[in-house]
Structure formats: structure tokens, C-alpha cells
Amino acid sequence: MCIFCKIIKGEIPAQIVFEDEYVVAFNDIVPQAPTHILVIPKEHFNNATEVVDSGLWSWFMDAALQIVKKLELDKQGYRFVINTGEQGGQTVPHLHLHILAGRNLGWPPG
């Protein structure tokens, strides 16, 4: 079982900032920006490629946008990042979206 599945099951503590029936979001324990939140589906998918249900993508993105609005991250700007695969920078084999905000984010990333 991956670390994110353990967080979902409550086996590992996390600072939850949002939760509904399909998604949970929590503060990253190694933040790369002043605000660094991970949004994960409760159903395990190794990466973005495995999600074929457009309804789940819609729910997932809607949850991320709800968090942005709740925390007023849209006032100064934010970035969504989904890393997929080793060369894409994915370190946990469970689909997750990073919400980064609170500082100037350079381009190109990485």
C-alpha cells in the first residue's frame, strides 16, 4: 500500500485541508513553496495515464479549484503540477496534483 493510500485510510497523519467522497488534499510535508498542497483521488491510480473516467478528472480539478478559492490563492497566482513517471518527477506512485503558491514560480520548471 502506498503512503498516500495510508493517509487516506488515516494510518498516517496529515494536515488535511479538503476532503470529499472522491478526493483528499493535505499540506506537503516537504513544501516547495509557502503553500504546497497535494490533491489526491481516494481511489488508487499509479499516475495520470491510468485515469480514463472524465468525470473523475472533472471532480479532481473542481476540488483543486475549490481549494484555490477557499485559500484565496487566485489573488496572487498559483500553479497546478501533475508529475507522471520517473522522468516527469513523480516520486509517489499515486496520482497527485500539486498546488503551489505564495512565491514567484520560475519558468521553465525543473
PDB file of N, CA and C in Angstrom:
ATOM      1  N   MET A   1       0.861  -1.180   0.000  1.00  0.00           N
ATOM      2  CA  MET A   1       0.000   0.000   0.000  1.00  0.00           C
ATOM      3  C   MET A   1       0.902   1.237   0.000  1.00  0.00           C
ATOM      4  N   CYS A   2       0.608   2.210  -0.851  1.00  0.00           N
ATOM      5  CA  CYS A   2       1.437   3.405  -0.948  1.00  0.00           C
ATOM      6  C   CYS A   2       1.161   4.365   0.215  1.00  0.00           C
ATOM      7  N   ILE A   3       2.066   5.307   0.397  1.00  0.00           N
ATOM      8  CA  ILE A   3       1.955   6.258   1.505  1.00  0.00           C
ATOM      9  C   ILE A   3       0.672   7.088   1.415  1.00  0.00           C
ATOM     10  N   PHE A   4       0.241   7.443   0.206  1.00  0.00           N
ATOM     11  CA  PHE A   4      -0.979   8.242   0.072  1.00  0.00           C
ATOM     12  C   PHE A   4      -2.216   7.417   0.430  1.00  0.00           C
ATOM     13  N   CYS A   5      -2.220   6.141   0.088  1.00  0.00           N
ATOM     14  CA  CYS A   5      -3.342   5.281   0.485  1.00  0.00           C
ATOM     15  C   CYS A   5      -3.406   5.164   2.005  1.00  0.00           C
ATOM     16  N   LYS A   6      -2.246   5.139   2.653  1.00  0.00           N
ATOM     17  CA  LYS A   6      -2.214   5.095   4.116  1.00  0.00           C
ATOM     18  C   LYS A   6      -2.749   6.396   4.720  1.00  0.00           C
ATOM     19  N   ILE A   7      -2.473   7.524   4.085  1.00  0.00           N
ATOM     20  CA  ILE A   7      -3.031   8.810   4.546  1.00  0.00           C
ATOM     21  C   ILE A   7      -4.545   8.787   4.400  1.00  0.00           C
ATOM     22  N   ILE A   8      -5.033   8.308   3.273  1.00  0.00           N
ATOM     23  CA  ILE A   8      -6.477   8.223   3.035  1.00  0.00           C
ATOM     24  C   ILE A   8      -7.152   7.369   4.112  1.00  0.00           C
ATOM     25  N   LYS A   9      -6.522   6.261   4.481  1.00  0.00           N
ATOM     26  CA  LYS A   9      -7.096   5.356   5.480  1.00  0.00           C
ATOM     27  C   LYS A   9      -6.895   5.851   6.917  1.00  0.00           C
ATOM     28  N   GLY A  10      -6.162   6.962   7.086  1.00  0.00           N
ATOM     29  CA  GLY A  10      -5.922   7.502   8.422  1.00  0.00           C
ATOM     30  C   GLY A  10      -4.802   6.812   9.174  1.00  0.00           C
ATOM     31  N   GLU A  11      -4.018   5.992   8.481  1.00  0.00           N
ATOM     32  CA  GLU A  11      -2.916   5.274   9.121  1.00  0.00           C
ATOM     33  C   GLU A  11      -1.688   6.166   9.315  1.00  0.00           C
ATOM     34  N   ILE A  12      -1.589   7.200   8.501  1.00  0.00           N
ATOM     35  CA  ILE A  12      -0.507   8.177   8.609  1.00  0.00           C
ATOM     36  C   ILE A  12      -1.168   9.543   8.749  1.00  0.00           C
ATOM     37  N   PRO A  13      -0.758  10.341   9.742  1.00  0.00           N
ATOM     38  CA  PRO A  13      -1.382  11.658   9.914  1.00  0.00           C
ATOM     39  C   PRO A  13      -0.993  12.623   8.803  1.00  0.00           C
ATOM     40  N   ALA A  14      -1.886  13.540   8.518  1.00  0.00           N
ATOM     41  CA  ALA A  14      -1.639  14.594   7.535  1.00  0.00           C
ATOM     42  C   ALA A  14      -2.478  15.804   7.906  1.00  0.00           C
ATOM     43  N   GLN A  15      -2.022  16.973   7.496  1.00  0.00           N
ATOM     44  CA  GLN A  15      -2.784  18.209   7.704  1.00  0.00           C
ATOM     45  C   GLN A  15      -3.773  18.350   6.555  1.00  0.00           C
ATOM     46  N   ILE A  16      -4.963  17.807   6.740  1.00  0.00           N
ATOM     47  CA  ILE A  16      -5.997  17.798   5.708  1.00  0.00           C
ATOM     48  C   ILE A  16      -6.563  19.215   5.541  1.00  0.00           C
ATOM     49  N   VAL A  17      -6.613  19.666   4.296  1.00  0.00           N
ATOM     50  CA  VAL A  17      -7.201  20.987   4.017  1.00  0.00           C
ATOM     51  C   VAL A  17      -8.520  20.879   3.261  1.00  0.00           C
ATOM     52  N   PHE A  18      -8.800  19.679   2.708  1.00  0.00           N
ATOM     53  CA  PHE A  18     -10.035  19.472   1.950  1.00  0.00           C
ATOM     54  C   PHE A  18     -10.275  17.980   1.857  1.00  0.00           C
ATOM     55  N   GLU A  19     -11.560  17.605   1.938  1.00  0.00           N
ATOM     56  CA  GLU A  19     -11.910  16.201   1.733  1.00  0.00           C
ATOM     57  C   GLU A  19     -13.355  16.115   1.309  1.00  0.00           C
ATOM     58  N   ASP A  20     -13.610  15.245   0.342  1.00  0.00           N
ATOM     59  CA  ASP A  20     -14.980  14.908  -0.035  1.00  0.00           C
ATOM     60  C   ASP A  20     -15.014  13.416  -0.335  1.00  0.00           C
ATOM     61  N   GLU A  21     -16.035  12.939  -1.004  1.00  0.00           N
ATOM     62  CA  GLU A  21     -16.157  11.491  -1.204  1.00  0.00           C
ATOM     63  C   GLU A  21     -15.125  10.893  -2.156  1.00  0.00           C
ATOM     64  N   TYR A  22     -14.510  11.710  -3.028  1.00  0.00           N
ATOM     65  CA  TYR A  22     -13.581  11.194  -4.032  1.00  0.00           C
ATOM     66  C   TYR A  22     -12.137  11.655  -3.867  1.00  0.00           C
ATOM     67  N   VAL A  23     -11.935  12.743  -3.129  1.00  0.00           N
ATOM     68  CA  VAL A  23     -10.642  13.427  -3.102  1.00  0.00           C
ATOM     69  C   VAL A  23     -10.267  13.797  -1.671  1.00  0.00           C
ATOM     70  N   VAL A  24      -8.970  13.793  -1.397  1.00  0.00           N
ATOM     71  CA  VAL A  24      -8.456  14.355  -0.147  1.00  0.00           C
ATOM     72  C   VAL A  24      -7.257  15.237  -0.513  1.00  0.00           C
ATOM     73  N   ALA A  25      -7.107  16.346   0.205  1.00  0.00           N
ATOM     74  CA  ALA A  25      -5.991  17.259  -0.035  1.00  0.00           C
ATOM     75  C   ALA A  25      -5.342  17.596   1.300  1.00  0.00           C
ATOM     76  N   PHE A  26      -4.025  17.694   1.276  1.00  0.00           N
ATOM     77  CA  PHE A  26      -3.281  17.943   2.510  1.00  0.00           C
ATOM     78  C   PHE A  26      -1.999  18.700   2.193  1.00  0.00           C
ATOM     79  N   ASN A  27      -1.441  19.325   3.232  1.00  0.00           N
ATOM     80  CA  ASN A  27      -0.187  20.051   3.076  1.00  0.00           C
ATOM     81  C   ASN A  27       0.961  19.077   2.852  1.00  0.00           C
ATOM     82  N   ASP A  28       1.826  19.403   1.895  1.00  0.00           N
ATOM     83  CA  ASP A  28       3.006  18.587   1.611  1.00  0.00           C
ATOM     84  C   ASP A  28       3.969  18.689   2.793  1.00  0.00           C
ATOM     85  N   ILE A  29       4.566  17.575   3.188  1.00  0.00           N
ATOM     86  CA  ILE A  29       5.487  17.603   4.329  1.00  0.00           C
ATOM     87  C   ILE A  29       6.870  18.134   3.947  1.00  0.00           C
ATOM     88  N   VAL A  30       7.150  18.246   2.646  1.00  0.00           N
ATOM     89  CA  VAL A  30       8.396  18.841   2.165  1.00  0.00           C
ATOM     90  C   VAL A  30       8.015  19.930   1.152  1.00  0.00           C
ATOM     91  N   PRO A  31       7.476  21.043   1.644  1.00  0.00           N
ATOM     92  CA  PRO A  31       6.939  22.057   0.735  1.00  0.00           C
ATOM     93  C   PRO A  31       8.005  22.718  -0.142  1.00  0.00           C
ATOM     94  N   GLN A  32       7.623  22.939  -1.395  1.00  0.00           N
ATOM     95  CA  GLN A  32       8.496  23.602  -2.363  1.00  0.00           C
ATOM     96  C   GLN A  32       8.088  25.059  -2.575  1.00  0.00           C
ATOM     97  N   ALA A  33       7.091  25.502  -1.846  1.00  0.00           N
ATOM     98  CA  ALA A  33       6.601  26.878  -1.881  1.00  0.00           C
ATOM     99  C   ALA A  33       5.898  27.133  -0.550  1.00  0.00           C
ATOM    100  N   PRO A  34       5.671  28.390  -0.192  1.00  0.00           N
ATOM    101  CA  PRO A  34       4.968  28.668   1.068  1.00  0.00           C
ATOM    102  C   PRO A  34       3.634  27.935   1.188  1.00  0.00           C
ATOM    103  N   THR A  35       2.913  27.825   0.086  1.00  0.00           N
ATOM    104  CA  THR A  35       1.718  26.980   0.039  1.00  0.00           C
ATOM    105  C   THR A  35       2.030  25.829  -0.902  1.00  0.00           C
ATOM    106  N   HIS A  36       1.947  24.609  -0.392  1.00  0.00           N
ATOM    107  CA  HIS A  36       2.192  23.417  -1.212  1.00  0.00           C
ATOM    108  C   HIS A  36       1.236  22.337  -0.731  1.00  0.00           C
ATOM    109  N   ILE A  37       0.171  22.160  -1.500  1.00  0.00           N
ATOM    110  CA  ILE A  37      -0.893  21.224  -1.150  1.00  0.00           C
ATOM    111  C   ILE A  37      -0.922  20.109  -2.180  1.00  0.00           C
ATOM    112  N   LEU A  38      -1.113  18.887  -1.704  1.00  0.00           N
ATOM    113  CA  LEU A  38      -1.278  17.743  -2.596  1.00  0.00           C
ATOM    114  C   LEU A  38      -2.752  17.355  -2.626  1.00  0.00           C
ATOM    115  N   VAL A  39      -3.280  17.202  -3.823  1.00  0.00           N
ATOM    116  CA  VAL A  39      -4.662  16.761  -4.018  1.00  0.00           C
ATOM    117  C   VAL A  39      -4.589  15.362  -4.607  1.00  0.00           C
ATOM    118  N   ILE A  40      -5.242  14.392  -3.946  1.00  0.00           N
ATOM    119  CA  ILE A  40      -5.165  13.016  -4.420  1.00  0.00           C
ATOM    120  C   ILE A  40      -6.559  12.398  -4.483  1.00  0.00           C
ATOM    121  N   PRO A  41      -6.792  11.561  -5.498  1.00  0.00           N
ATOM    122  CA  PRO A  41      -8.054  10.826  -5.509  1.00  0.00           C
ATOM    123  C   PRO A  41      -8.006   9.727  -4.451  1.00  0.00           C
ATOM    124  N   LYS A  42      -9.140   9.433  -3.854  1.00  0.00           N
ATOM    125  CA  LYS A  42      -9.199   8.361  -2.852  1.00  0.00           C
ATOM    126  C   LYS A  42      -9.017   6.989  -3.498  1.00  0.00           C
ATOM    127  N   GLU A  43      -9.409   6.870  -4.737  1.00  0.00           N
ATOM    128  CA  GLU A  43      -9.159   5.626  -5.474  1.00  0.00           C
ATOM    129  C   GLU A  43      -7.720   5.646  -5.956  1.00  0.00           C
ATOM    130  N   HIS A  44      -7.015   4.539  -5.813  1.00  0.00           N
ATOM    131  CA  HIS A  44      -5.607   4.486  -6.201  1.00  0.00           C
ATOM    132  C   HIS A  44      -5.449   4.380  -7.719  1.00  0.00           C
ATOM    133  N   PHE A  45      -4.698   5.308  -8.259  1.00  0.00           N
ATOM    134  CA  PHE A  45      -4.225   5.269  -9.641  1.00  0.00           C
ATOM    135  C   PHE A  45      -2.727   5.518  -9.554  1.00  0.00           C
ATOM    136  N   ASN A  46      -1.917   4.713 -10.221  1.00  0.00           N
ATOM    137  CA  ASN A  46      -0.472   4.915 -10.163  1.00  0.00           C
ATOM    138  C   ASN A  46      -0.046   6.267 -10.715  1.00  0.00           C
ATOM    139  N   ASN A  47      -0.745   6.728 -11.768  1.00  0.00           N
ATOM    140  CA  ASN A  47      -0.389   8.005 -12.382  1.00  0.00           C
ATOM    141  C   ASN A  47      -1.559   8.512 -13.224  1.00  0.00           C
ATOM    142  N   ALA A  48      -1.375   9.662 -13.831  1.00  0.00           N
ATOM    143  CA  ALA A  48      -2.439  10.310 -14.596  1.00  0.00           C
ATOM    144  C   ALA A  48      -2.911   9.476 -15.781  1.00  0.00           C
ATOM    145  N   THR A  49      -2.015   8.687 -16.353  1.00  0.00           N
ATOM    146  CA  THR A  49      -2.350   7.882 -17.527  1.00  0.00           C
ATOM    147  C   THR A  49      -3.424   6.846 -17.235  1.00  0.00           C
ATOM    148  N   GLU A  50      -3.524   6.398 -15.996  1.00  0.00           N
ATOM    149  CA  GLU A  50      -4.481   5.348 -15.637  1.00  0.00           C
ATOM    150  C   GLU A  50      -5.920   5.845 -15.490  1.00  0.00           C
ATOM    151  N   VAL A  51      -6.125   7.152 -15.410  1.00  0.00           N
ATOM    152  CA  VAL A  51      -7.478   7.685 -15.217  1.00  0.00           C
ATOM    153  C   VAL A  51      -8.141   7.844 -16.577  1.00  0.00           C
ATOM    154  N   VAL A  52      -9.189   7.072 -16.810  1.00  0.00           N
ATOM    155  CA  VAL A  52      -9.895   7.145 -18.089  1.00  0.00           C
ATOM    156  C   VAL A  52     -11.284   7.774 -17.943  1.00  0.00           C
ATOM    157  N   ASP A  53     -11.737   7.942 -16.723  1.00  0.00           N
ATOM    158  CA  ASP A  53     -13.060   8.497 -16.457  1.00  0.00           C
ATOM    159  C   ASP A  53     -12.986  10.022 -16.427  1.00  0.00           C
ATOM    160  N   SER A  54     -13.554  10.674 -17.426  1.00  0.00           N
ATOM    161  CA  SER A  54     -13.508  12.133 -17.478  1.00  0.00           C
ATOM    162  C   SER A  54     -14.267  12.757 -16.308  1.00  0.00           C
ATOM    163  N   GLY A  55     -15.240  12.052 -15.778  1.00  0.00           N
ATOM    164  CA  GLY A  55     -15.968  12.543 -14.608  1.00  0.00           C
ATOM    165  C   GLY A  55     -15.063  12.666 -13.396  1.00  0.00           C
ATOM    166  N   LEU A  56     -14.147  11.701 -13.229  1.00  0.00           N
ATOM    167  CA  LEU A  56     -13.202  11.776 -12.121  1.00  0.00           C
ATOM    168  C   LEU A  56     -12.250  12.955 -12.315  1.00  0.00           C
ATOM    169  N   TRP A  57     -11.774  13.151 -13.549  1.00  0.00           N
ATOM    170  CA  TRP A  57     -10.906  14.306 -13.815  1.00  0.00           C
ATOM    171  C   TRP A  57     -11.635  15.603 -13.476  1.00  0.00           C
ATOM    172  N   SER A  58     -12.888  15.684 -13.836  1.00  0.00           N
ATOM    173  CA  SER A  58     -13.676  16.883 -13.562  1.00  0.00           C
ATOM    174  C   SER A  58     -13.789  17.113 -12.056  1.00  0.00           C
ATOM    175  N   TRP A  59     -14.096  16.063 -11.308  1.00  0.00           N
ATOM    176  CA  TRP A  59     -14.228  16.157  -9.850  1.00  0.00           C
ATOM    177  C   TRP A  59     -12.892  16.560  -9.224  1.00  0.00           C
ATOM    178  N   PHE A  60     -11.828  15.941  -9.705  1.00  0.00           N
ATOM    179  CA  PHE A  60     -10.477  16.182  -9.213  1.00  0.00           C
ATOM    180  C   PHE A  60     -10.081  17.654  -9.395  1.00  0.00           C
ATOM    181  N   MET A  61     -10.277  18.172 -10.593  1.00  0.00           N
ATOM    182  CA  MET A  61      -9.925  19.569 -10.883  1.00  0.00           C
ATOM    183  C   MET A  61     -10.844  20.533 -10.146  1.00  0.00           C
ATOM    184  N   ASP A  62     -12.109  20.183 -10.027  1.00  0.00           N
ATOM    185  CA  ASP A  62     -13.038  21.034  -9.285  1.00  0.00           C
ATOM    186  C   ASP A  62     -12.598  21.142  -7.825  1.00  0.00           C
ATOM    187  N   ALA A  63     -12.165  20.046  -7.245  1.00  0.00           N
ATOM    188  CA  ALA A  63     -11.680  20.067  -5.860  1.00  0.00           C
ATOM    189  C   ALA A  63     -10.470  20.987  -5.740  1.00  0.00           C
ATOM    190  N   ALA A  64      -9.538  20.889  -6.683  1.00  0.00           N
ATOM    191  CA  ALA A  64      -8.351  21.754  -6.658  1.00  0.00           C
ATOM    192  C   ALA A  64      -8.751  23.226  -6.755  1.00  0.00           C
ATOM    193  N   LEU A  65      -9.700  23.532  -7.610  1.00  0.00           N
ATOM    194  CA  LEU A  65     -10.158  24.924  -7.741  1.00  0.00           C
ATOM    195  C   LEU A  65     -10.906  25.403  -6.497  1.00  0.00           C
ATOM    196  N   GLN A  66     -11.644  24.522  -5.851  1.00  0.00           N
ATOM    197  CA  GLN A  66     -12.296  24.895  -4.587  1.00  0.00           C
ATOM    198  C   GLN A  66     -11.256  25.281  -3.535  1.00  0.00           C
ATOM    199  N   ILE A  67     -10.173  24.542  -3.478  1.00  0.00           N
ATOM    200  CA  ILE A  67      -9.100  24.836  -2.529  1.00  0.00           C
ATOM    201  C   ILE A  67      -8.472  26.190  -2.844  1.00  0.00           C
ATOM    202  N   VAL A  68      -8.193  26.425  -4.122  1.00  0.00           N
ATOM    203  CA  VAL A  68      -7.615  27.704  -4.557  1.00  0.00           C
ATOM    204  C   VAL A  68      -8.497  28.863  -4.116  1.00  0.00           C
ATOM    205  N   LYS A  69      -9.787  28.734  -4.345  1.00  0.00           N
ATOM    206  CA  LYS A  69     -10.716  29.810  -3.977  1.00  0.00           C
ATOM    207  C   LYS A  69     -10.833  29.954  -2.458  1.00  0.00           C
ATOM    208  N   LYS A  70     -10.927  28.834  -1.748  1.00  0.00           N
ATOM    209  CA  LYS A  70     -11.047  28.860  -0.290  1.00  0.00           C
ATOM    210  C   LYS A  70      -9.853  29.558   0.358  1.00  0.00           C
ATOM    211  N   LEU A  71      -8.660  29.284  -0.156  1.00  0.00           N
ATOM    212  CA  LEU A  71      -7.434  29.863   0.397  1.00  0.00           C
ATOM    213  C   LEU A  71      -7.046  31.181  -0.275  1.00  0.00           C
ATOM    214  N   GLU A  72      -7.885  31.623  -1.227  1.00  0.00           N
ATOM    215  CA  GLU A  72      -7.670  32.881  -1.969  1.00  0.00           C
ATOM    216  C   GLU A  72      -6.314  32.912  -2.679  1.00  0.00           C
ATOM    217  N   LEU A  73      -5.889  31.771  -3.176  1.00  0.00           N
ATOM    218  CA  LEU A  73      -4.625  31.688  -3.897  1.00  0.00           C
ATOM    219  C   LEU A  73      -4.702  32.366  -5.255  1.00  0.00           C
ATOM    220  N   ASP A  74      -5.914  32.527  -5.765  1.00  0.00           N
ATOM    221  CA  ASP A  74      -6.105  33.163  -7.063  1.00  0.00           C
ATOM    222  C   ASP A  74      -5.781  34.662  -7.023  1.00  0.00           C
ATOM    223  N   LYS A  75      -5.659  35.237  -5.842  1.00  0.00           N
ATOM    224  CA  LYS A  75      -5.369  36.677  -5.718  1.00  0.00           C
ATOM    225  C   LYS A  75      -3.972  37.010  -6.241  1.00  0.00           C
ATOM    226  N   GLN A  76      -2.987  36.158  -5.957  1.00  0.00           N
ATOM    227  CA  GLN A  76      -1.605  36.411  -6.363  1.00  0.00           C
ATOM    228  C   GLN A  76      -1.103  35.451  -7.441  1.00  0.00           C
ATOM    229  N   GLY A  77      -1.758  34.316  -7.566  1.00  0.00           N
ATOM    230  CA  GLY A  77      -1.351  33.332  -8.562  1.00  0.00           C
ATOM    231  C   GLY A  77      -0.948  32.018  -7.920  1.00  0.00           C
ATOM    232  N   TYR A  78      -1.012  30.977  -8.695  1.00  0.00           N
ATOM    233  CA  TYR A  78      -0.716  29.629  -8.227  1.00  0.00           C
ATOM    234  C   TYR A  78      -0.351  28.776  -9.418  1.00  0.00           C
ATOM    235  N   ARG A  79       0.125  27.574  -9.148  1.00  0.00           N
ATOM    236  CA  ARG A  79       0.465  26.631 -10.215  1.00  0.00           C
ATOM    237  C   ARG A  79      -0.065  25.259  -9.834  1.00  0.00           C
ATOM    238  N   PHE A  80      -0.647  24.564 -10.811  1.00  0.00           N
ATOM    239  CA  PHE A  80      -1.006  23.156 -10.685  1.00  0.00           C
ATOM    240  C   PHE A  80       0.082  22.348 -11.386  1.00  0.00           C
ATOM    241  N   VAL A  81       0.535  21.273 -10.747  1.00  0.00           N
ATOM    242  CA  VAL A  81       1.531  20.393 -11.353  1.00  0.00           C
ATOM    243  C   VAL A  81       1.105  18.948 -11.122  1.00  0.00           C
ATOM    244  N   ILE A  82       1.131  18.151 -12.189  1.00  0.00           N
ATOM    245  CA  ILE A  82       0.947  16.706 -12.079  1.00  0.00           C
ATOM    246  C   ILE A  82       2.163  16.060 -12.723  1.00  0.00           C
ATOM    247  N   ASN A  83       3.004  15.458 -11.901  1.00  0.00           N
ATOM    248  CA  ASN A  83       4.181  14.751 -12.406  1.00  0.00           C
ATOM    249  C   ASN A  83       3.779  13.309 -12.708  1.00  0.00           C
ATOM    250  N   THR A  84       4.262  12.798 -13.838  1.00  0.00           N
ATOM    251  CA  THR A  84       3.935  11.429 -14.218  1.00  0.00           C
ATOM    252  C   THR A  84       5.202  10.716 -14.668  1.00  0.00           C
ATOM    253  N   GLY A  85       5.500   9.616 -14.006  1.00  0.00           N
ATOM    254  CA  GLY A  85       6.657   8.809 -14.353  1.00  0.00           C
ATOM    255  C   GLY A  85       7.953   9.373 -13.786  1.00  0.00           C
ATOM    256  N   GLU A  86       8.984   8.535 -13.831  1.00  0.00           N
ATOM    257  CA  GLU A  86      10.275   8.902 -13.253  1.00  0.00           C
ATOM    258  C   GLU A  86      10.858  10.170 -13.876  1.00  0.00           C
ATOM    259  N   GLN A  87      10.888  10.250 -15.197  1.00  0.00           N
ATOM    260  CA  GLN A  87      11.449  11.432 -15.838  1.00  0.00           C
ATOM    261  C   GLN A  87      10.554  12.655 -15.685  1.00  0.00           C
ATOM    262  N   GLY A  88       9.289  12.434 -15.381  1.00  0.00           N
ATOM    263  CA  GLY A  88       8.375  13.540 -15.127  1.00  0.00           C
ATOM    264  C   GLY A  88       8.455  14.046 -13.698  1.00  0.00           C
ATOM    265  N   GLY A  89       9.259  13.393 -12.851  1.00  0.00           N
ATOM    266  CA  GLY A  89       9.455  13.841 -11.481  1.00  0.00           C
ATOM    267  C   GLY A  89       8.516  13.223 -10.462  1.00  0.00           C
ATOM    268  N   GLN A  90       7.753  12.197 -10.860  1.00  0.00           N
ATOM    269  CA  GLN A  90       6.826  11.564  -9.919  1.00  0.00           C
ATOM    270  C   GLN A  90       7.614  10.697  -8.935  1.00  0.00           C
ATOM    271  N   THR A  91       7.423  10.942  -7.634  1.00  0.00           N
ATOM    272  CA  THR A  91       8.145  10.185  -6.616  1.00  0.00           C
ATOM    273  C   THR A  91       7.248   9.258  -5.806  1.00  0.00           C
ATOM    274  N   VAL A  92       5.946   9.487  -5.824  1.00  0.00           N
ATOM    275  CA  VAL A  92       4.998   8.604  -5.138  1.00  0.00           C
ATOM    276  C   VAL A  92       4.073   8.010  -6.197  1.00  0.00           C
ATOM    277  N   PRO A  93       3.965   6.680  -6.274  1.00  0.00           N
ATOM    278  CA  PRO A  93       3.154   6.046  -7.313  1.00  0.00           C
ATOM    279  C   PRO A  93       1.650   6.074  -6.983  1.00  0.00           C
ATOM    280  N   HIS A  94       1.124   7.282  -6.865  1.00  0.00           N
ATOM    281  CA  HIS A  94      -0.312   7.520  -6.656  1.00  0.00           C
ATOM    282  C   HIS A  94      -0.566   8.880  -7.281  1.00  0.00           C
ATOM    283  N   LEU A  95      -1.511   8.945  -8.202  1.00  0.00           N
ATOM    284  CA  LEU A  95      -1.819  10.210  -8.859  1.00  0.00           C
ATOM    285  C   LEU A  95      -1.984  11.312  -7.830  1.00  0.00           C
ATOM    286  N   HIS A  96      -1.326  12.435  -8.051  1.00  0.00           N
ATOM    287  CA  HIS A  96      -1.491  13.590  -7.175  1.00  0.00           C
ATOM    288  C   HIS A  96      -1.201  14.876  -7.935  1.00  0.00           C
ATOM    289  N   LEU A  97      -1.920  15.897  -7.543  1.00  0.00           N
ATOM    290  CA  LEU A  97      -1.762  17.219  -8.121  1.00  0.00           C
ATOM    291  C   LEU A  97      -1.179  18.123  -7.050  1.00  0.00           C
ATOM    292  N   HIS A  98      -0.124  18.836  -7.411  1.00  0.00           N
ATOM    293  CA  HIS A  98       0.485  19.804  -6.502  1.00  0.00           C
ATOM    294  C   HIS A  98      -0.165  21.164  -6.754  1.00  0.00           C
ATOM    295  N   ILE A  99      -0.548  21.845  -5.691  1.00  0.00           N
ATOM    296  CA  ILE A  99      -0.934  23.260  -5.771  1.00  0.00           C
ATOM    297  C   ILE A  99       0.194  24.026  -5.103  1.00  0.00           C
ATOM    298  N   LEU A 100       0.862  24.867  -5.886  1.00  0.00           N
ATOM    299  CA  LEU A 100       1.981  25.660  -5.389  1.00  0.00           C
ATOM    300  C   LEU A 100       1.621  27.137  -5.464  1.00  0.00           C
ATOM    301  N   ALA A 101       1.930  27.872  -4.393  1.00  0.00           N
ATOM    302  CA  ALA A 101       1.624  29.307  -4.369  1.00  0.00           C
ATOM    303  C   ALA A 101       2.429  29.973  -3.268  1.00  0.00           C
ATOM    304  N   GLY A 102       2.380  31.298  -3.259  1.00  0.00           N
ATOM    305  CA  GLY A 102       2.986  32.058  -2.180  1.00  0.00           C
ATOM    306  C   GLY A 102       4.362  32.614  -2.485  1.00  0.00           C
ATOM    307  N   ARG A 103       4.850  32.387  -3.713  1.00  0.00           N
ATOM    308  CA  ARG A 103       6.125  32.962  -4.152  1.00  0.00           C
ATOM    309  C   ARG A 103       6.121  33.009  -5.669  1.00  0.00           C
ATOM    310  N   ASN A 104       7.064  33.726  -6.237  1.00  0.00           N
ATOM    311  CA  ASN A 104       7.211  33.725  -7.683  1.00  0.00           C
ATOM    312  C   ASN A 104       7.721  32.364  -8.119  1.00  0.00           C
ATOM    313  N   LEU A 105       7.031  31.755  -9.060  1.00  0.00           N
ATOM    314  CA  LEU A 105       7.391  30.429  -9.551  1.00  0.00           C
ATOM    315  C   LEU A 105       8.034  30.587 -10.923  1.00  0.00           C
ATOM    316  N   GLY A 106       9.282  30.184 -11.035  1.00  0.00           N
ATOM    317  CA  GLY A 106      10.024  30.360 -12.271  1.00  0.00           C
ATOM    318  C   GLY A 106       9.543  29.478 -13.400  1.00  0.00           C
ATOM    319  N   TRP A 107       9.971  29.841 -14.600  1.00  0.00           N
ATOM    320  CA  TRP A 107       9.677  29.051 -15.790  1.00  0.00           C
ATOM    321  C   TRP A 107      10.909  29.019 -16.657  1.00  0.00           C
ATOM    322  N   PRO A 108      11.319  27.930 -17.215  1.00  0.00           N
ATOM    323  CA  PRO A 108      10.662  26.628 -17.114  1.00  0.00           C
ATOM    324  C   PRO A 108      10.920  25.978 -15.759  1.00  0.00           C
ATOM    325  N   PRO A 109       9.990  25.108 -15.333  1.00  0.00           N
ATOM    326  CA  PRO A 109      10.173  24.413 -14.070  1.00  0.00           C
ATOM    327  C   PRO A 109      11.263  23.352 -14.198  1.00  0.00           C
ATOM    328  N   GLY A 110      11.770  22.921 -13.064  1.00  0.00           N
ATOM    329  CA  GLY A 110      12.730  21.806 -13.031  1.00  0.00           C
ATOM    330  C   GLY A 110      14.028  22.158 -13.639  1.00  0.00           C
TER     331      GLY A 110
END
